[in-house]
PDB file of N, CA and C in Angstrom:
ATOM      1  N   UNK A   1      25.345 137.284  -1.650  1.00  0.00           N
ATOM      2  CA  UNK A   1      24.120 138.272  -2.676  1.00  0.00           C
ATOM      3  C   UNK A   1      24.363 137.664  -4.299  1.00  0.00           C
ATOM      4  N   UNK A   2      25.882 138.020  -4.304  1.00  0.00           N
ATOM      5  CA  UNK A   2      26.200 137.879  -5.706  1.00  0.00           C
ATOM      6  C   UNK A   2      26.137 136.283  -6.175  1.00  0.00           C
ATOM      7  N   UNK A   3      26.603 135.546  -5.425  1.00  0.00           N
ATOM      8  CA  UNK A   3      26.103 133.946  -5.409  1.00  0.00           C
ATOM      9  C   UNK A   3      24.481 133.685  -6.227  1.00  0.00           C
ATOM     10  N   UNK A   4      24.028 134.543  -5.261  1.00  0.00           N
ATOM     11  CA  UNK A   4      22.142 133.937  -5.769  1.00  0.00           C
ATOM     12  C   UNK A   4      21.964 134.525  -6.932  1.00  0.00           C
ATOM     13  N   UNK A   5      22.343 135.772  -7.295  1.00  0.00           N
ATOM     14  CA  UNK A   5      22.616 136.152  -8.390  1.00  0.00           C
ATOM     15  C   UNK A   5      23.100 135.401 -10.095  1.00  0.00           C
ATOM     16  N   UNK A   6      24.519 134.922  -9.554  1.00  0.00           N
ATOM     17  CA  UNK A   6      24.475 134.537 -10.225  1.00  0.00           C
ATOM     18  C   UNK A   6      24.201 133.033 -10.601  1.00  0.00           C
ATOM     19  N   UNK A   7      24.078 132.495  -9.697  1.00  0.00           N
ATOM     20  CA  UNK A   7      22.741 131.241  -9.488  1.00  0.00           C
ATOM     21  C   UNK A   7      21.812 131.005 -10.338  1.00  0.00           C
ATOM     22  N   UNK A   8      21.343 132.341 -10.105  1.00  0.00           N
ATOM     23  CA  UNK A   8      19.791 132.756 -11.210  1.00  0.00           C
ATOM     24  C   UNK A   8      19.709 133.108 -12.547  1.00  0.00           C
ATOM     25  N   UNK A   9      21.196 133.686 -12.595  1.00  0.00           N
ATOM     26  CA  UNK A   9      21.324 133.426 -14.171  1.00  0.00           C
ATOM     27  C   UNK A   9      21.668 132.546 -14.949  1.00  0.00           C
ATOM     28  N   UNK A  10      22.051 131.139 -13.453  1.00  0.00           N
ATOM     29  CA  UNK A  10      22.815 130.318 -14.966  1.00  0.00           C
ATOM     30  C   UNK A  10      21.570 129.539 -14.875  1.00  0.00           C
ATOM     31  N   UNK A  11      21.148 129.507 -14.050  1.00  0.00           N
ATOM     32  CA  UNK A  11      19.520 128.970 -13.926  1.00  0.00           C
ATOM     33  C   UNK A  11      18.468 129.036 -14.786  1.00  0.00           C
ATOM     34  N   UNK A  12      18.632 130.334 -15.309  1.00  0.00           N
ATOM     35  CA  UNK A  12      17.898 131.185 -16.475  1.00  0.00           C
ATOM     36  C   UNK A  12      18.539 130.696 -17.979  1.00  0.00           C
ATOM     37  N   UNK A  13      19.576 130.835 -17.849  1.00  0.00           N
ATOM     38  CA  UNK A  13      20.409 130.216 -19.159  1.00  0.00           C
ATOM     39  C   UNK A  13      19.684 128.893 -19.195  1.00  0.00           C
ATOM     40  N   UNK A  14      20.147 128.143 -18.548  1.00  0.00           N
ATOM     41  CA  UNK A  14      19.787 126.603 -18.204  1.00  0.00           C
ATOM     42  C   UNK A  14      18.386 126.165 -19.312  1.00  0.00           C
ATOM     43  N   UNK A  15      17.411 126.921 -18.795  1.00  0.00           N
ATOM     44  CA  UNK A  15      16.166 126.739 -18.875  1.00  0.00           C
ATOM     45  C   UNK A  15      16.023 127.264 -20.605  1.00  0.00           C
ATOM     46  N   UNK A  16      16.157 128.179 -20.570  1.00  0.00           N
ATOM     47  CA  UNK A  16      16.769 128.882 -22.249  1.00  0.00           C
ATOM     48  C   UNK A  16      17.259 127.839 -23.251  1.00  0.00           C
ATOM     49  N   UNK A  17      18.230 127.326 -22.787  1.00  0.00           N
ATOM     50  CA  UNK A  17      19.148 126.313 -23.733  1.00  0.00           C
ATOM     51  C   UNK A  17      17.570 125.438 -23.906  1.00  0.00           C
ATOM     52  N   UNK A  18      17.118 125.004 -23.329  1.00  0.00           N
ATOM     53  CA  UNK A  18      16.394 123.618 -22.707  1.00  0.00           C
ATOM     54  C   UNK A  18      14.987 124.023 -23.650  1.00  0.00           C
ATOM     55  N   UNK A  19      14.385 125.153 -23.346  1.00  0.00           N
ATOM     56  CA  UNK A  19      13.332 125.238 -24.141  1.00  0.00           C
ATOM     57  C   UNK A  19      14.106 125.911 -26.262  1.00  0.00           C
ATOM     58  N   UNK A  20      15.522 126.560 -26.281  1.00  0.00           N
ATOM     59  CA  UNK A  20      15.984 126.443 -27.678  1.00  0.00           C
ATOM     60  C   UNK A  20      15.894 125.054 -28.332  1.00  0.00           C
ATOM     61  N   UNK A  21      16.259 124.692 -27.531  1.00  0.00           N
ATOM     62  CA  UNK A  21      16.372 122.850 -27.952  1.00  0.00           C
ATOM     63  C   UNK A  21      15.025 121.844 -29.034  1.00  0.00           C
ATOM     64  N   UNK A  22      14.116 122.840 -28.260  1.00  0.00           N
ATOM     65  CA  UNK A  22      12.869 122.356 -28.730  1.00  0.00           C
ATOM     66  C   UNK A  22      12.817 122.243 -30.160  1.00  0.00           C
ATOM     67  N   UNK A  23      13.154 123.356 -30.763  1.00  0.00           N
ATOM     68  CA  UNK A  23      12.693 123.297 -32.310  1.00  0.00           C
ATOM     69  C   UNK A  23      11.303 123.650 -32.847  1.00  0.00           C
ATOM     70  N   UNK A  24      11.418 124.036 -33.408  1.00  0.00           N
ATOM     71  CA  UNK A  24       9.849 124.598 -34.495  1.00  0.00           C
ATOM     72  C   UNK A  24       8.462 123.376 -33.720  1.00  0.00           C
ATOM     73  N   UNK A  25       7.493 124.487 -33.925  1.00  0.00           N
ATOM     74  CA  UNK A  25       6.532 123.484 -33.070  1.00  0.00           C
ATOM     75  C   UNK A  25       5.589 123.011 -34.114  1.00  0.00           C
ATOM     76  N   UNK A  26       5.867 123.302 -35.552  1.00  0.00           N
ATOM     77  CA  UNK A  26       4.854 122.452 -36.641  1.00  0.00           C
ATOM     78  C   UNK A  26       3.919 123.439 -36.780  1.00  0.00           C
ATOM     79  N   UNK A  27       3.910 124.883 -36.678  1.00  0.00           N
ATOM     80  CA  UNK A  27       2.948 125.252 -36.979  1.00  0.00           C
ATOM     81  C   UNK A  27       3.073 125.941 -38.548  1.00  0.00           C
ATOM     82  N   UNK A  28       2.136 126.801 -38.692  1.00  0.00           N
ATOM     83  CA  UNK A  28       2.281 128.107 -39.918  1.00  0.00           C
ATOM     84  C   UNK A  28       3.678 128.174 -39.849  1.00  0.00           C
ATOM     85  N   UNK A  29       4.528 128.235 -41.166  1.00  0.00           N
ATOM     86  CA  UNK A  29       6.535 128.919 -40.966  1.00  0.00           C
ATOM     87  C   UNK A  29       6.486 130.275 -40.570  1.00  0.00           C
ATOM     88  N   UNK A  30       5.477 130.730 -40.621  1.00  0.00           N
ATOM     89  CA  UNK A  30       5.578 132.430 -40.066  1.00  0.00           C
ATOM     90  C   UNK A  30       6.069 131.826 -38.243  1.00  0.00           C
ATOM     91  N   UNK A  31       5.459 130.878 -37.539  1.00  0.00           N
ATOM     92  CA  UNK A  31       4.922 130.616 -36.206  1.00  0.00           C
ATOM     93  C   UNK A  31       6.483 129.693 -35.790  1.00  0.00           C
ATOM     94  N   UNK A  32       6.633 128.624 -36.704  1.00  0.00           N
ATOM     95  CA  UNK A  32       7.909 128.103 -36.450  1.00  0.00           C
ATOM     96  C   UNK A  32       8.948 128.546 -36.417  1.00  0.00           C
ATOM     97  N   UNK A  33       9.414 129.670 -37.569  1.00  0.00           N
ATOM     98  CA  UNK A  33      10.638 130.955 -37.337  1.00  0.00           C
ATOM     99  C   UNK A  33      10.531 131.784 -36.453  1.00  0.00           C
ATOM    100  N   UNK A  34       9.647 132.144 -35.792  1.00  0.00           N
ATOM    101  CA  UNK A  34       9.455 133.032 -34.500  1.00  0.00           C
ATOM    102  C   UNK A  34       9.659 132.587 -33.316  1.00  0.00           C
ATOM    103  N   UNK A  35       9.239 131.358 -33.413  1.00  0.00           N
ATOM    104  CA  UNK A  35       9.335 130.500 -32.104  1.00  0.00           C
ATOM    105  C   UNK A  35      10.960 129.848 -31.969  1.00  0.00           C
ATOM    106  N   UNK A  36      11.642 129.674 -33.298  1.00  0.00           N
ATOM    107  CA  UNK A  36      12.625 130.098 -33.359  1.00  0.00           C
ATOM    108  C   UNK A  36      13.875 130.934 -33.304  1.00  0.00           C
ATOM    109  N   UNK A  37      13.125 131.953 -33.352  1.00  0.00           N
ATOM    110  CA  UNK A  37      13.597 133.360 -33.001  1.00  0.00           C
ATOM    111  C   UNK A  37      13.575 133.566 -31.193  1.00  0.00           C
ATOM    112  N   UNK A  38      12.279 133.582 -30.713  1.00  0.00           N
ATOM    113  CA  UNK A  38      12.170 133.102 -29.674  1.00  0.00           C
ATOM    114  C   UNK A  38      12.865 132.787 -28.833  1.00  0.00           C
ATOM    115  N   UNK A  39      13.375 131.422 -28.603  1.00  0.00           N
ATOM    116  CA  UNK A  39      14.207 130.333 -28.512  1.00  0.00           C
ATOM    117  C   UNK A  39      15.594 131.196 -28.398  1.00  0.00           C
ATOM    118  N   UNK A  40      15.886 131.945 -29.573  1.00  0.00           N
ATOM    119  CA  UNK A  40      17.153 132.191 -29.603  1.00  0.00           C
ATOM    120  C   UNK A  40      16.981 133.335 -28.686  1.00  0.00           C
ATOM    121  N   UNK A  41      16.251 134.698 -28.729  1.00  0.00           N
ATOM    122  CA  UNK A  41      16.011 135.880 -27.691  1.00  0.00           C
ATOM    123  C   UNK A  41      16.127 135.379 -26.383  1.00  0.00           C
ATOM    124  N   UNK A  42      15.533 134.151 -25.713  1.00  0.00           N
ATOM    125  CA  UNK A  42      15.265 133.946 -24.584  1.00  0.00           C
ATOM    126  C   UNK A  42      16.937 133.332 -24.234  1.00  0.00           C
ATOM    127  N   UNK A  43      17.242 132.450 -25.098  1.00  0.00           N
ATOM    128  CA  UNK A  43      18.250 132.179 -24.590  1.00  0.00           C
ATOM    129  C   UNK A  43      19.548 133.166 -24.266  1.00  0.00           C
ATOM    130  N   UNK A  44      19.488 134.135 -25.872  1.00  0.00           N
ATOM    131  CA  UNK A  44      20.754 135.190 -25.662  1.00  0.00           C
ATOM    132  C   UNK A  44      20.345 136.626 -24.591  1.00  0.00           C
ATOM    133  N   UNK A  45      19.558 136.491 -23.950  1.00  0.00           N
ATOM    134  CA  UNK A  45      19.522 137.186 -22.706  1.00  0.00           C
ATOM    135  C   UNK A  45      19.616 136.906 -21.548  1.00  0.00           C
ATOM    136  N   UNK A  46      19.780 135.471 -21.802  1.00  0.00           N
ATOM    137  CA  UNK A  46      20.088 134.985 -20.549  1.00  0.00           C
ATOM    138  C   UNK A  46      21.436 134.587 -20.152  1.00  0.00           C
ATOM    139  N   UNK A  47      22.087 135.049 -21.278  1.00  0.00           N
ATOM    140  CA  UNK A  47      23.746 135.007 -21.249  1.00  0.00           C
ATOM    141  C   UNK A  47      24.259 136.288 -21.110  1.00  0.00           C
ATOM    142  N   UNK A  48      23.463 136.910 -21.396  1.00  0.00           N
ATOM    143  CA  UNK A  48      23.659 138.340 -20.408  1.00  0.00           C
ATOM    144  C   UNK A  48      25.376 138.698 -21.299  1.00  0.00           C
ATOM    145  N   UNK A  49      25.527 138.866 -22.510  1.00  0.00           N
ATOM    146  CA  UNK A  49      26.571 139.288 -23.117  1.00  0.00           C
ATOM    147  C   UNK A  49      27.734 138.847 -23.181  1.00  0.00           C
ATOM    148  N   UNK A  50      28.022 137.326 -22.008  1.00  0.00           N
ATOM    149  CA  UNK A  50      29.170 136.382 -22.880  1.00  0.00           C
ATOM    150  C   UNK A  50      29.160 135.316 -24.022  1.00  0.00           C
ATOM    151  N   UNK A  51      29.884 136.150 -24.558  1.00  0.00           N
ATOM    152  CA  UNK A  51      29.934 135.513 -25.881  1.00  0.00           C
ATOM    153  C   UNK A  51      30.294 133.730 -25.916  1.00  0.00           C
ATOM    154  N   UNK A  52      30.593 133.376 -25.079  1.00  0.00           N
ATOM    155  CA  UNK A  52      30.489 131.604 -25.549  1.00  0.00           C
ATOM    156  C   UNK A  52      29.237 131.408 -25.376  1.00  0.00           C
ATOM    157  N   UNK A  53      28.346 131.690 -24.166  1.00  0.00           N
ATOM    158  CA  UNK A  53      27.091 131.359 -23.835  1.00  0.00           C
ATOM    159  C   UNK A  53      26.367 131.856 -24.903  1.00  0.00           C
ATOM    160  N   UNK A  54      26.824 132.799 -25.821  1.00  0.00           N
ATOM    161  CA  UNK A  54      25.833 133.429 -26.919  1.00  0.00           C
ATOM    162  C   UNK A  54      26.194 132.659 -28.194  1.00  0.00           C
ATOM    163  N   UNK A  55      27.494 132.020 -27.940  1.00  0.00           N
ATOM    164  CA  UNK A  55      27.872 131.308 -28.812  1.00  0.00           C
ATOM    165  C   UNK A  55      26.761 129.703 -29.083  1.00  0.00           C
ATOM    166  N   UNK A  56      26.422 129.046 -28.080  1.00  0.00           N
ATOM    167  CA  UNK A  56      25.306 128.478 -27.403  1.00  0.00           C
ATOM    168  C   UNK A  56      24.473 128.233 -28.233  1.00  0.00           C
ATOM    169  N   UNK A  57      23.463 129.487 -28.241  1.00  0.00           N
ATOM    170  CA  UNK A  57      22.660 130.441 -28.651  1.00  0.00           C
ATOM    171  C   UNK A  57      21.734 130.219 -29.780  1.00  0.00           C
ATOM    172  N   UNK A  58      23.083 130.926 -30.440  1.00  0.00           N
ATOM    173  CA  UNK A  58      22.848 130.929 -31.952  1.00  0.00           C
ATOM    174  C   UNK A  58      23.351 129.708 -32.381  1.00  0.00           C
ATOM    175  N   UNK A  59      23.984 128.618 -32.250  1.00  0.00           N
ATOM    176  CA  UNK A  59      24.227 127.365 -32.324  1.00  0.00           C
ATOM    177  C   UNK A  59      23.022 126.335 -32.602  1.00  0.00           C
ATOM    178  N   UNK A  60      21.882 126.659 -31.197  1.00  0.00           N
ATOM    179  CA  UNK A  60      20.561 126.441 -31.101  1.00  0.00           C
ATOM    180  C   UNK A  60      19.636 126.759 -32.270  1.00  0.00           C
ATOM    181  N   UNK A  61      19.947 128.112 -32.601  1.00  0.00           N
ATOM    182  CA  UNK A  61      19.278 128.873 -33.590  1.00  0.00           C
ATOM    183  C   UNK A  61      19.366 128.119 -34.584  1.00  0.00           C
ATOM    184  N   UNK A  62      20.257 127.845 -35.704  1.00  0.00           N
ATOM    185  CA  UNK A  62      20.587 127.299 -36.377  1.00  0.00           C
ATOM    186  C   UNK A  62      19.943 125.554 -36.845  1.00  0.00           C
ATOM    187  N   UNK A  63      20.462 124.999 -35.440  1.00  0.00           N
ATOM    188  CA  UNK A  63      19.946 123.854 -35.256  1.00  0.00           C
ATOM    189  C   UNK A  63      18.146 123.775 -36.026  1.00  0.00           C
ATOM    190  N   UNK A  64      17.770 124.796 -35.300  1.00  0.00           N
ATOM    191  CA  UNK A  64      16.205 125.025 -35.348  1.00  0.00           C
ATOM    192  C   UNK A  64      15.342 125.374 -36.513  1.00  0.00           C
ATOM    193  N   UNK A  65      16.586 126.450 -37.376  1.00  0.00           N
ATOM    194  CA  UNK A  65      16.446 126.676 -38.637  1.00  0.00           C
ATOM    195  C   UNK A  65      16.476 125.958 -39.731  1.00  0.00           C
ATOM    196  N   UNK A  66      17.177 124.731 -39.864  1.00  0.00           N
ATOM    197  CA  UNK A  66      17.913 123.563 -40.275  1.00  0.00           C
ATOM    198  C   UNK A  66      17.147 124.251 -41.750  1.00  0.00           C
ATOM    199  N   UNK A  67      15.910 123.751 -41.843  1.00  0.00           N
ATOM    200  CA  UNK A  67      14.812 123.334 -43.103  1.00  0.00           C
ATOM    201  C   UNK A  67      13.601 124.392 -42.858  1.00  0.00           C
ATOM    202  N   UNK A  68      13.842 125.428 -43.057  1.00  0.00           N
ATOM    203  CA  UNK A  68      12.781 126.436 -43.020  1.00  0.00           C
ATOM    204  C   UNK A  68      11.895 126.642 -44.068  1.00  0.00           C
ATOM    205  N   UNK A  69      10.155 126.852 -43.631  1.00  0.00           N
ATOM    206  CA  UNK A  69       9.579 126.910 -44.425  1.00  0.00           C
ATOM    207  C   UNK A  69       9.694 128.252 -45.734  1.00  0.00           C
ATOM    208  N   UNK A  70       9.944 128.568 -46.536  1.00  0.00           N
ATOM    209  CA  UNK A  70       9.839 129.449 -47.141  1.00  0.00           C
ATOM    210  C   UNK A  70       8.669 130.279 -46.868  1.00  0.00           C
ATOM    211  N   UNK A  71       8.477 132.136 -46.595  1.00  0.00           N
ATOM    212  CA  UNK A  71       7.893 132.613 -46.161  1.00  0.00           C
ATOM    213  C   UNK A  71       7.841 134.191 -46.750  1.00  0.00           C
ATOM    214  N   UNK A  72       7.499 134.670 -46.820  1.00  0.00           N
ATOM    215  CA  UNK A  72       7.786 136.597 -47.045  1.00  0.00           C
ATOM    216  C   UNK A  72       8.149 137.341 -45.870  1.00  0.00           C
ATOM    217  N   UNK A  73       8.905 138.150 -45.874  1.00  0.00           N
ATOM    218  CA  UNK A  73       8.940 139.037 -44.929  1.00  0.00           C
ATOM    219  C   UNK A  73       8.097 140.070 -45.318  1.00  0.00           C
ATOM    220  N   UNK A  74       7.590 140.958 -43.623  1.00  0.00           N
ATOM    221  CA  UNK A  74       6.874 141.709 -44.105  1.00  0.00           C
ATOM    222  C   UNK A  74       6.795 143.272 -43.355  1.00  0.00           C
ATOM    223  N   UNK A  75       5.877 144.042 -43.674  1.00  0.00           N
ATOM    224  CA  UNK A  75       6.150 145.518 -42.658  1.00  0.00           C
ATOM    225  C   UNK A  75       5.906 145.068 -41.250  1.00  0.00           C
ATOM    226  N   UNK A  76       5.158 144.371 -40.984  1.00  0.00           N
ATOM    227  CA  UNK A  76       5.104 144.212 -39.324  1.00  0.00           C
ATOM    228  C   UNK A  76       6.506 143.337 -39.102  1.00  0.00           C
ATOM    229  N   UNK A  77       7.324 141.938 -39.837  1.00  0.00           N
ATOM    230  CA  UNK A  77       8.486 141.752 -39.141  1.00  0.00           C
ATOM    231  C   UNK A  77       9.204 142.311 -39.265  1.00  0.00           C
ATOM    232  N   UNK A  78       9.434 143.284 -39.799  1.00  0.00           N
ATOM    233  CA  UNK A  78      10.838 144.564 -39.597  1.00  0.00           C
ATOM    234  C   UNK A  78      10.568 145.455 -38.487  1.00  0.00           C
ATOM    235  N   UNK A  79       9.372 145.738 -37.975  1.00  0.00           N
ATOM    236  CA  UNK A  79       8.983 146.381 -37.135  1.00  0.00           C
ATOM    237  C   UNK A  79       9.063 145.845 -35.936  1.00  0.00           C
ATOM    238  N   UNK A  80       8.951 144.302 -35.935  1.00  0.00           N
ATOM    239  CA  UNK A  80       8.575 143.412 -34.751  1.00  0.00           C
ATOM    240  C   UNK A  80      10.709 143.705 -34.681  1.00  0.00           C
ATOM    241  N   UNK A  81      11.352 143.020 -35.652  1.00  0.00           N
ATOM    242  CA  UNK A  81      13.039 143.161 -35.321  1.00  0.00           C
ATOM    243  C   UNK A  81      13.588 144.275 -34.951  1.00  0.00           C
ATOM    244  N   UNK A  82      12.471 145.757 -35.489  1.00  0.00           N
ATOM    245  CA  UNK A  82      13.318 146.865 -34.659  1.00  0.00           C
ATOM    246  C   UNK A  82      12.934 147.154 -33.383  1.00  0.00           C
ATOM    247  N   UNK A  83      12.278 146.820 -33.433  1.00  0.00           N
ATOM    248  CA  UNK A  83      11.853 146.875 -31.462  1.00  0.00           C
ATOM    249  C   UNK A  83      12.347 145.931 -30.656  1.00  0.00           C
ATOM    250  N   UNK A  84      12.780 144.891 -31.130  1.00  0.00           N
ATOM    251  CA  UNK A  84      13.636 143.652 -30.268  1.00  0.00           C
ATOM    252  C   UNK A  84      14.875 143.872 -30.431  1.00  0.00           C
ATOM    253  N   UNK A  85      15.217 145.282 -31.305  1.00  0.00           N
ATOM    254  CA  UNK A  85      17.004 145.699 -31.308  1.00  0.00           C
ATOM    255  C   UNK A  85      16.789 147.010 -30.301  1.00  0.00           C
ATOM    256  N   UNK A  86      15.406 147.828 -30.075  1.00  0.00           N
ATOM    257  CA  UNK A  86      15.076 148.809 -29.596  1.00  0.00           C
ATOM    258  C   UNK A  86      15.526 148.669 -27.809  1.00  0.00           C
ATOM    259  N   UNK A  87      14.965 147.477 -27.813  1.00  0.00           N
ATOM    260  CA  UNK A  87      14.563 146.366 -26.447  1.00  0.00           C
ATOM    261  C   UNK A  87      15.715 146.191 -25.757  1.00  0.00           C
ATOM    262  N   UNK A  88      16.919 145.672 -26.871  1.00  0.00           N
ATOM    263  CA  UNK A  88      18.041 145.071 -26.504  1.00  0.00           C
ATOM    264  C   UNK A  88      19.327 146.562 -26.460  1.00  0.00           C
ATOM    265  N   UNK A  89      19.163 147.165 -26.925  1.00  0.00           N
ATOM    266  CA  UNK A  89      19.723 147.769 -26.433  1.00  0.00           C
ATOM    267  C   UNK A  89      19.860 149.056 -25.392  1.00  0.00           C
ATOM    268  N   UNK A  90      18.111 149.343 -25.367  1.00  0.00           N
ATOM    269  CA  UNK A  90      17.878 150.024 -23.705  1.00  0.00           C
ATOM    270  C   UNK A  90      18.422 148.681 -22.167  1.00  0.00           C
ATOM    271  N   UNK A  91      18.361 147.517 -22.920  1.00  0.00           N
ATOM    272  CA  UNK A  91      18.590 146.726 -21.553  1.00  0.00           C
ATOM    273  C   UNK A  91      20.194 146.353 -21.335  1.00  0.00           C
ATOM    274  N   UNK A  92      20.401 146.944 -22.379  1.00  0.00           N
ATOM    275  CA  UNK A  92      22.143 146.900 -22.154  1.00  0.00           C
ATOM    276  C   UNK A  92      22.804 148.374 -22.023  1.00  0.00           C
ATOM    277  N   UNK A  93      22.257 149.260 -21.921  1.00  0.00           N
ATOM    278  CA  UNK A  93      22.931 150.465 -21.544  1.00  0.00           C
ATOM    279  C   UNK A  93      23.730 150.936 -22.184  1.00  0.00           C
ATOM    280  N   UNK A  94      23.847 150.683 -23.225  1.00  0.00           N
ATOM    281  CA  UNK A  94      24.940 151.051 -23.873  1.00  0.00           C
ATOM    282  C   UNK A  94      26.731 151.252 -24.072  1.00  0.00           C
ATOM    283  N   UNK A  95      26.670 150.171 -23.405  1.00  0.00           N
ATOM    284  CA  UNK A  95      27.777 149.054 -22.274  1.00  0.00           C
ATOM    285  C   UNK A  95      28.599 149.281 -23.751  1.00  0.00           C
ATOM    286  N   UNK A  96      29.934 149.481 -22.993  1.00  0.00           N
ATOM    287  CA  UNK A  96      30.901 149.014 -24.403  1.00  0.00           C
ATOM    288  C   UNK A  96      31.334 147.347 -24.392  1.00  0.00           C
ATOM    289  N   UNK A  97      31.648 147.292 -25.456  1.00  0.00           N
ATOM    290  CA  UNK A  97      32.099 145.553 -25.450  1.00  0.00           C
ATOM    291  C   UNK A  97      30.650 144.542 -25.979  1.00  0.00           C
ATOM    292  N   UNK A  98      29.800 145.211 -25.262  1.00  0.00           N
ATOM    293  CA  UNK A  98      28.606 144.289 -25.751  1.00  0.00           C
ATOM    294  C   UNK A  98      27.498 144.993 -26.533  1.00  0.00           C
ATOM    295  N   UNK A  99      27.765 146.077 -27.189  1.00  0.00           N
ATOM    296  CA  UNK A  99      26.590 146.910 -27.952  1.00  0.00           C
ATOM    297  C   UNK A  99      26.111 146.564 -28.804  1.00  0.00           C
ATOM    298  N   UNK A 100      27.834 145.695 -29.669  1.00  0.00           N
ATOM    299  CA  UNK A 100      27.426 144.874 -31.163  1.00  0.00           C
ATOM    300  C   UNK A 100      26.540 144.056 -31.052  1.00  0.00           C
ATOM    301  N   UNK A 101      26.260 142.898 -29.640  1.00  0.00           N
ATOM    302  CA  UNK A 101      25.271 142.158 -29.527  1.00  0.00           C
ATOM    303  C   UNK A 101      23.620 142.441 -30.290  1.00  0.00           C
ATOM    304  N   UNK A 102      23.811 143.630 -29.978  1.00  0.00           N
ATOM    305  CA  UNK A 102      22.406 143.655 -30.387  1.00  0.00           C
ATOM    306  C   UNK A 102      22.422 143.669 -31.743  1.00  0.00           C
ATOM    307  N   UNK A 103      22.925 144.352 -32.983  1.00  0.00           N
ATOM    308  CA  UNK A 103      22.850 144.192 -33.743  1.00  0.00           C
ATOM    309  C   UNK A 103      22.669 143.096 -34.147  1.00  0.00           C
ATOM    310  N   UNK A 104      23.930 142.201 -34.001  1.00  0.00           N
ATOM    311  CA  UNK A 104      23.853 140.384 -33.777  1.00  0.00           C
ATOM    312  C   UNK A 104      22.699 139.996 -33.616  1.00  0.00           C
ATOM    313  N   UNK A 105      21.987 139.992 -32.631  1.00  0.00           N
ATOM    314  CA  UNK A 105      20.581 139.847 -32.121  1.00  0.00           C
ATOM    315  C   UNK A 105      19.755 140.483 -33.736  1.00  0.00           C
ATOM    316  N   UNK A 106      19.814 141.305 -34.123  1.00  0.00           N
ATOM    317  CA  UNK A 106      18.899 142.045 -34.795  1.00  0.00           C
ATOM    318  C   UNK A 106      19.300 141.677 -36.372  1.00  0.00           C
ATOM    319  N   UNK A 107      20.175 140.834 -36.649  1.00  0.00           N
ATOM    320  CA  UNK A 107      20.335 140.048 -37.457  1.00  0.00           C
ATOM    321  C   UNK A 107      19.718 138.648 -37.644  1.00  0.00           C
ATOM    322  N   UNK A 108      20.012 137.704 -36.497  1.00  0.00           N
ATOM    323  CA  UNK A 108      19.131 136.898 -36.343  1.00  0.00           C
ATOM    324  C   UNK A 108      17.653 137.058 -36.582  1.00  0.00           C
ATOM    325  N   UNK A 109      16.965 137.989 -35.788  1.00  0.00           N
ATOM    326  CA  UNK A 109      16.118 138.448 -36.187  1.00  0.00           C
ATOM    327  C   UNK A 109      15.690 138.015 -37.282  1.00  0.00           C
ATOM    328  N   UNK A 110      15.734 139.444 -37.912  1.00  0.00           N
ATOM    329  CA  UNK A 110      15.762 139.291 -39.593  1.00  0.00           C
ATOM    330  C   UNK A 110      15.717 138.230 -40.670  1.00  0.00           C
ATOM    331  N   UNK A 111      16.831 137.414 -39.977  1.00  0.00           N
ATOM    332  CA  UNK A 111      16.785 135.920 -41.001  1.00  0.00           C
ATOM    333  C   UNK A 111      15.407 135.225 -40.291  1.00  0.00           C
ATOM    334  N   UNK A 112      15.528 135.457 -39.092  1.00  0.00           N
ATOM    335  CA  UNK A 112      14.327 134.462 -38.383  1.00  0.00           C
ATOM    336  C   UNK A 112      12.870 134.578 -39.446  1.00  0.00           C
ATOM    337  N   UNK A 113      12.848 135.478 -39.925  1.00  0.00           N
ATOM    338  CA  UNK A 113      11.194 136.844 -40.348  1.00  0.00           C
ATOM    339  C   UNK A 113      11.325 136.655 -41.519  1.00  0.00           C
ATOM    340  N   UNK A 114      12.504 135.633 -42.137  1.00  0.00           N
ATOM    341  CA  UNK A 114      12.790 135.787 -43.756  1.00  0.00           C
ATOM    342  C   UNK A 114      12.782 137.230 -44.295  1.00  0.00           C
ATOM    343  N   UNK A 115      13.528 138.265 -43.890  1.00  0.00           N
ATOM    344  CA  UNK A 115      13.906 140.089 -43.811  1.00  0.00           C
ATOM    345  C   UNK A 115      15.171 139.766 -44.488  1.00  0.00           C
TER     346      UNK A 115
END
């Protein structure tokens, strides 16, 4: 059972990396930036707290955001990132050693939305 679970996590993680490597889709700046964030978010969820995997997620994110189009951060963007942080904290359940990752992810979300 544990092997099946680990294999499932690895497959999910690899799928997230593939999605993350795609980069922005060329739509409006907000859509491009949100696509970079969503790819990062999927990848970091798949990493399940493993720092070395999360580093790959962040690397893909920075490649995706290499030359982001300017945009203004709005109240909806701030709210979106706050909600994402709350979901992260709920998912991790306050586990020691990985709780700071929600704060890191929140910062990436804010950056992606030009906040």
